[in-house]
C-alpha atoms as a PDB file:
ATOM      1  CA  MET A   1     -10.317  20.690 -32.976  1.00  0.00           C
ATOM      2  CA  THR A   2     -10.886  20.288 -29.215  1.00  0.00           C
ATOM      3  CA  ARG A   3     -10.601  23.613 -26.890  1.00  0.00           C
ATOM      4  CA  PHE A   4      -8.557  23.475 -23.880  1.00  0.00           C
ATOM      5  CA  THR A   5     -10.422  24.348 -20.697  1.00  0.00           C
ATOM      6  CA  SER A   6      -8.443  24.745 -17.351  1.00  0.00           C
ATOM      7  CA  HIS A   7      -9.751  23.604 -14.198  1.00  0.00           C
ATOM      8  CA  MET A   8      -7.425  25.151 -12.223  1.00  0.00           C
ATOM      9  CA  GLN A   9      -9.685  27.678 -10.864  1.00  0.00           C
ATOM     10  CA  GLN A  10     -11.733  25.022  -9.188  1.00  0.00           C
ATOM     11  CA  ALA A  11      -8.621  23.679  -7.751  1.00  0.00           C
ATOM     12  CA  LEU A  12      -7.656  26.989  -6.431  1.00  0.00           C
ATOM     13  CA  ALA A  13     -11.158  27.275  -4.798  1.00  0.00           C
ATOM     14  CA  GLU A  14     -10.796  23.722  -3.301  1.00  0.00           C
ATOM     15  CA  ALA A  15      -7.378  25.062  -1.969  1.00  0.00           C
ATOM     16  CA  GLN A  16      -8.934  28.110  -0.421  1.00  0.00           C
ATOM     17  CA  ALA A  17     -11.773  26.028   1.336  1.00  0.00           C
ATOM     18  CA  ALA A  18      -8.985  23.732   2.919  1.00  0.00           C
ATOM     19  CA  ALA A  19      -7.213  26.758   4.221  1.00  0.00           C
ATOM     20  CA  LEU A  20     -10.043  27.975   5.812  1.00  0.00           C
ATOM     21  CA  ARG A  21     -10.352  24.593   7.545  1.00  0.00           C
ATOM     22  CA  GLY A  22      -6.944  25.074   8.815  1.00  0.00           C
ATOM     23  CA  GLU A  23      -5.517  22.433   6.239  1.00  0.00           C
ATOM     24  CA  VAL A  24      -2.564  23.325   4.158  1.00  0.00           C
ATOM     25  CA  PRO A  25      -3.955  24.796   1.097  1.00  0.00           C
ATOM     26  CA  VAL A  26      -3.613  22.260  -1.859  1.00  0.00           C
ATOM     27  CA  GLY A  27      -6.857  21.534  -3.908  1.00  0.00           C
ATOM     28  CA  ALA A  28      -7.235  18.879  -6.682  1.00  0.00           C
ATOM     29  CA  VAL A  29      -9.754  18.199  -9.347  1.00  0.00           C
ATOM     30  CA  VAL A  30     -10.306  15.011 -11.443  1.00  0.00           C
ATOM     31  CA  THR A  31     -12.011  15.719 -15.263  1.00  0.00           C
ATOM     32  CA  SER A  32     -13.119  12.928 -17.238  1.00  0.00           C
ATOM     33  CA  PRO A  33     -11.931  12.585 -20.995  1.00  0.00           C
ATOM     34  CA  GLY A  34     -14.859  14.834 -22.062  1.00  0.00           C
ATOM     35  CA  GLY A  35     -13.958  17.731 -19.358  1.00  0.00           C
ATOM     36  CA  ARG A  36     -16.325  17.114 -17.228  1.00  0.00           C
ATOM     37  CA  VAL A  37     -15.640  17.405 -13.246  1.00  0.00           C
ATOM     38  CA  VAL A  38     -15.865  14.019 -11.777  1.00  0.00           C
ATOM     39  CA  ALA A  39     -14.346  14.942  -8.248  1.00  0.00           C
ATOM     40  CA  ALA A  40     -12.883  17.633  -6.372  1.00  0.00           C
ATOM     41  CA  ALA A  41     -11.070  17.851  -2.982  1.00  0.00           C
ATOM     42  CA  GLY A  42      -8.890  19.737  -0.757  1.00  0.00           C
ATOM     43  CA  ASN A  43      -6.519  18.612   1.930  1.00  0.00           C
ATOM     44  CA  ARG A  44      -8.192  17.102   4.978  1.00  0.00           C
ATOM     45  CA  THR A  45      -5.422  15.400   6.695  1.00  0.00           C
ATOM     46  CA  ARG A  46      -6.009  17.432  10.142  1.00  0.00           C
ATOM     47  CA  GLU A  47      -9.969  17.194   9.871  1.00  0.00           C
ATOM     48  CA  LEU A  48      -9.822  13.151   9.285  1.00  0.00           C
ATOM     49  CA  SER A  49      -6.399  12.663  11.543  1.00  0.00           C
ATOM     50  CA  ASP A  50      -5.139  10.844   8.217  1.00  0.00           C
ATOM     51  CA  PRO A  51      -1.527  11.527   7.023  1.00  0.00           C
ATOM     52  CA  THR A  52      -3.040   9.946   3.486  1.00  0.00           C
ATOM     53  CA  ALA A  53      -5.824  12.425   2.903  1.00  0.00           C
ATOM     54  CA  HIS A  54      -4.238  14.655   0.533  1.00  0.00           C
ATOM     55  CA  ALA A  55      -6.301  16.744  -2.117  1.00  0.00           C
ATOM     56  CA  GLU A  56      -5.202  14.196  -4.686  1.00  0.00           C
ATOM     57  CA  ILE A  57      -5.889  11.010  -2.976  1.00  0.00           C
ATOM     58  CA  LEU A  58      -9.158  12.294  -1.814  1.00  0.00           C
ATOM     59  CA  ALA A  59     -10.157  13.254  -5.339  1.00  0.00           C
ATOM     60  CA  ILE A  60      -8.842  10.098  -6.921  1.00  0.00           C
ATOM     61  CA  ARG A  61     -10.596   8.038  -4.640  1.00  0.00           C
ATOM     62  CA  ALA A  62     -14.084  10.234  -5.062  1.00  0.00           C
ATOM     63  CA  ALA A  63     -13.680   9.943  -8.959  1.00  0.00           C
ATOM     64  CA  CYS A  64     -12.950   6.056  -8.480  1.00  0.00           C
ATOM     65  CA  ALA A  65     -16.192   5.778  -6.200  1.00  0.00           C
ATOM     66  CA  ALA A  66     -18.323   7.884  -8.605  1.00  0.00           C
ATOM     67  CA  LEU A  67     -17.369   5.648 -11.595  1.00  0.00           C
ATOM     68  CA  GLY A  68     -17.240   2.390 -10.036  1.00  0.00           C
ATOM     69  CA  SER A  69     -13.585   1.831 -11.193  1.00  0.00           C
ATOM     70  CA  GLU A  70     -10.174   1.312  -9.246  1.00  0.00           C
ATOM     71  CA  ARG A  71      -8.699   3.294 -12.389  1.00  0.00           C
ATOM     72  CA  LEU A  72      -9.094   6.268 -14.305  1.00  0.00           C
ATOM     73  CA  PRO A  73      -7.540   5.889 -17.835  1.00  0.00           C
ATOM     74  CA  GLY A  74      -8.068   9.007 -20.066  1.00  0.00           C
ATOM     75  CA  HIS A  75      -8.869  11.204 -16.940  1.00  0.00           C
ATOM     76  CA  ASP A  76      -7.097  14.395 -16.075  1.00  0.00           C
ATOM     77  CA  LEU A  77      -5.988  15.590 -12.459  1.00  0.00           C
ATOM     78  CA  TRP A  78      -5.509  19.329 -11.735  1.00  0.00           C
ATOM     79  CA  VAL A  79      -3.805  20.105  -8.439  1.00  0.00           C
ATOM     80  CA  THR A  80      -2.567  23.459  -7.229  1.00  0.00           C
ATOM     81  CA  LEU A  81       0.717  21.844  -5.752  1.00  0.00           C
ATOM     82  CA  GLU A  82       3.286  19.456  -7.275  1.00  0.00           C
ATOM     83  CA  PRO A  83       2.481  16.234  -5.971  1.00  0.00           C
ATOM     84  CA  CYS A  84       4.436  14.433  -3.397  1.00  0.00           C
ATOM     85  CA  PRO A  85       5.621  11.211  -3.975  1.00  0.00           C
ATOM     86  CA  MET A  86       2.466   9.314  -2.139  1.00  0.00           C
ATOM     87  CA  CYS A  87       0.311  11.052  -4.488  1.00  0.00           C
ATOM     88  CA  ALA A  88       2.505  10.756  -7.544  1.00  0.00           C
ATOM     89  CA  ALA A  89       2.419   6.848  -6.752  1.00  0.00           C
ATOM     90  CA  ALA A  90      -1.634   7.244  -6.601  1.00  0.00           C
ATOM     91  CA  ILE A  91      -1.529   8.999  -9.969  1.00  0.00           C
ATOM     92  CA  SER A  92       0.248   6.280 -11.694  1.00  0.00           C
ATOM     93  CA  ALA A  93      -1.801   3.725  -9.910  1.00  0.00           C
ATOM     94  CA  ALA A  94      -5.026   5.185 -11.110  1.00  0.00           C
ATOM     95  CA  ARG A  95      -3.650   5.561 -14.668  1.00  0.00           C
ATOM     96  CA  ILE A  96      -4.492   9.150 -14.733  1.00  0.00           C
ATOM     97  CA  ALA A  97      -3.679  10.317 -18.509  1.00  0.00           C
ATOM     98  CA  ARG A  98      -2.599  13.969 -17.762  1.00  0.00           C
ATOM     99  CA  LEU A  99      -1.289  15.844 -14.613  1.00  0.00           C
ATOM    100  CA  TYR A 100      -1.563  19.509 -14.504  1.00  0.00           C
ATOM    101  CA  TYR A 101      -0.368  21.378 -11.226  1.00  0.00           C
ATOM    102  CA  GLY A 102       0.671  24.680 -10.209  1.00  0.00           C
ATOM    103  CA  ALA A 103       3.239  25.450  -7.860  1.00  0.00           C
ATOM    104  CA  ALA A 104       6.482  23.629  -7.683  1.00  0.00           C
ATOM    105  CA  ASP A 105       7.408  21.695  -4.317  1.00  0.00           C
ATOM    106  CA  LEU A 106      11.221  22.072  -4.074  1.00  0.00           C
ATOM    107  CA  ARG A 107      10.975  20.286  -0.771  1.00  0.00           C
ATOM    108  CA  MET A 108       8.509  17.421  -0.650  1.00  0.00           C
ATOM    109  CA  GLY A 109       7.634  17.262  -4.785  1.00  0.00           C
ATOM    110  CA  GLY A 110       7.574  13.975  -6.238  1.00  0.00           C
ATOM    111  CA  VAL A 111       7.068  14.912  -9.793  1.00  0.00           C
ATOM    112  CA  ALA A 112       9.875  17.427 -11.148  1.00  0.00           C
ATOM    113  CA  HIS A 113      11.823  17.484  -7.583  1.00  0.00           C
ATOM    114  CA  GLY A 114      12.871  14.932  -4.983  1.00  0.00           C
ATOM    115  CA  ALA A 115      11.891  11.772  -5.677  1.00  0.00           C
ATOM    116  CA  GLN A 116      10.747  12.114  -9.534  1.00  0.00           C
ATOM    117  CA  VAL A 117       8.626   9.080  -9.149  1.00  0.00           C
ATOM    118  CA  PHE A 118       7.455   9.290 -12.698  1.00  0.00           C
ATOM    119  CA  ARG A 119      11.023   9.061 -13.765  1.00  0.00           C
ATOM    120  CA  HIS A 120      11.775   5.843 -12.008  1.00  0.00           C
ATOM    121  CA  ALA A 121      12.229   2.585 -13.965  1.00  0.00           C
ATOM    122  CA  GLN A 122       9.673   0.737 -11.876  1.00  0.00           C
ATOM    123  CA  CYS A 123       7.204   3.266 -12.400  1.00  0.00           C
ATOM    124  CA  HIS A 124       4.259   1.207 -14.516  1.00  0.00           C
ATOM    125  CA  HIS A 125       2.466   4.327 -15.590  1.00  0.00           C
ATOM    126  CA  ARG A 126       3.681   7.744 -16.334  1.00  0.00           C
ATOM    127  CA  PRO A 127       1.003  10.575 -17.234  1.00  0.00           C
ATOM    128  CA  GLN A 128       1.726  13.694 -19.279  1.00  0.00           C
ATOM    129  CA  VAL A 129       2.665  16.264 -16.774  1.00  0.00           C
ATOM    130  CA  TYR A 130       2.024  20.287 -17.132  1.00  0.00           C
ATOM    131  CA  ASP A 131       3.264  22.257 -14.706  1.00  0.00           C
ATOM    132  CA  GLY A 132       3.438  25.823 -13.810  1.00  0.00           C
ATOM    133  CA  LEU A 133      -0.393  26.360 -14.270  1.00  0.00           C
ATOM    134  CA  SER A 134      -1.874  29.353 -12.266  1.00  0.00           C
ATOM    135  CA  ALA A 135       1.431  29.025 -10.253  1.00  0.00           C
ATOM    136  CA  PRO A 136       1.451  32.513  -8.680  1.00  0.00           C
ATOM    137  CA  GLU A 137      -1.884  32.091  -7.447  1.00  0.00           C
ATOM    138  CA  SER A 138      -1.142  28.647  -5.942  1.00  0.00           C
ATOM    139  CA  GLN A 139       2.147  29.735  -4.211  1.00  0.00           C
ATOM    140  CA  ARG A 140       0.565  32.878  -2.974  1.00  0.00           C
ATOM    141  CA  LEU A 141      -1.994  31.042  -1.033  1.00  0.00           C
ATOM    142  CA  LEU A 142       0.625  28.594   0.627  1.00  0.00           C
ATOM    143  CA  GLN A 143       2.884  31.499   1.270  1.00  0.00           C
ATOM    144  CA  GLU A 144       0.117  33.152   3.073  1.00  0.00           C
ATOM    145  CA  PHE A 145      -1.156  30.324   4.906  1.00  0.00           C
ATOM    146  CA  PHE A 146       2.451  29.333   6.449  1.00  0.00           C
ATOM    147  CA  ALA A 147       2.998  33.276   7.207  1.00  0.00           C
ATOM    148  CA  ALA A 148      -0.351  33.444   9.323  1.00  0.00           C
ATOM    149  CA  ARG A 149       0.959  30.441  11.207  1.00  0.00           C
ATOM    150  CA  ARG A 150       4.590  31.806  12.276  1.00  0.00           C
END
């Protein structure tokens, strides 16, 4: 029997690092079918002046580059916040097997809320989705980040 190992602590560390850079604190980690970390990233939209530089996109890009492949079948993605529609589409295109995320995003989410990309009839790949992992910690990071900016 395979033992479940969560990689949310590393995703949270990436989110904390993003917050220290002045970025919205979201972190992501891609793991191999064997559970090895292939790539990790935090948001860098401001730093890179790139609206697509979300943690999920950056982690998927880095994992694909590390593996020399445009797809990541069998791989898992761990994210601190429910992916937006853009990131959900990238997760589908990359053929991520399992998506684990922390806090729900009622306003901009694209998985359980909003566009619900994986439920769309034209979605060509649907990962298994597990939500709520380390949700209180993820939510707290976001709340503290935005409270400090008000």
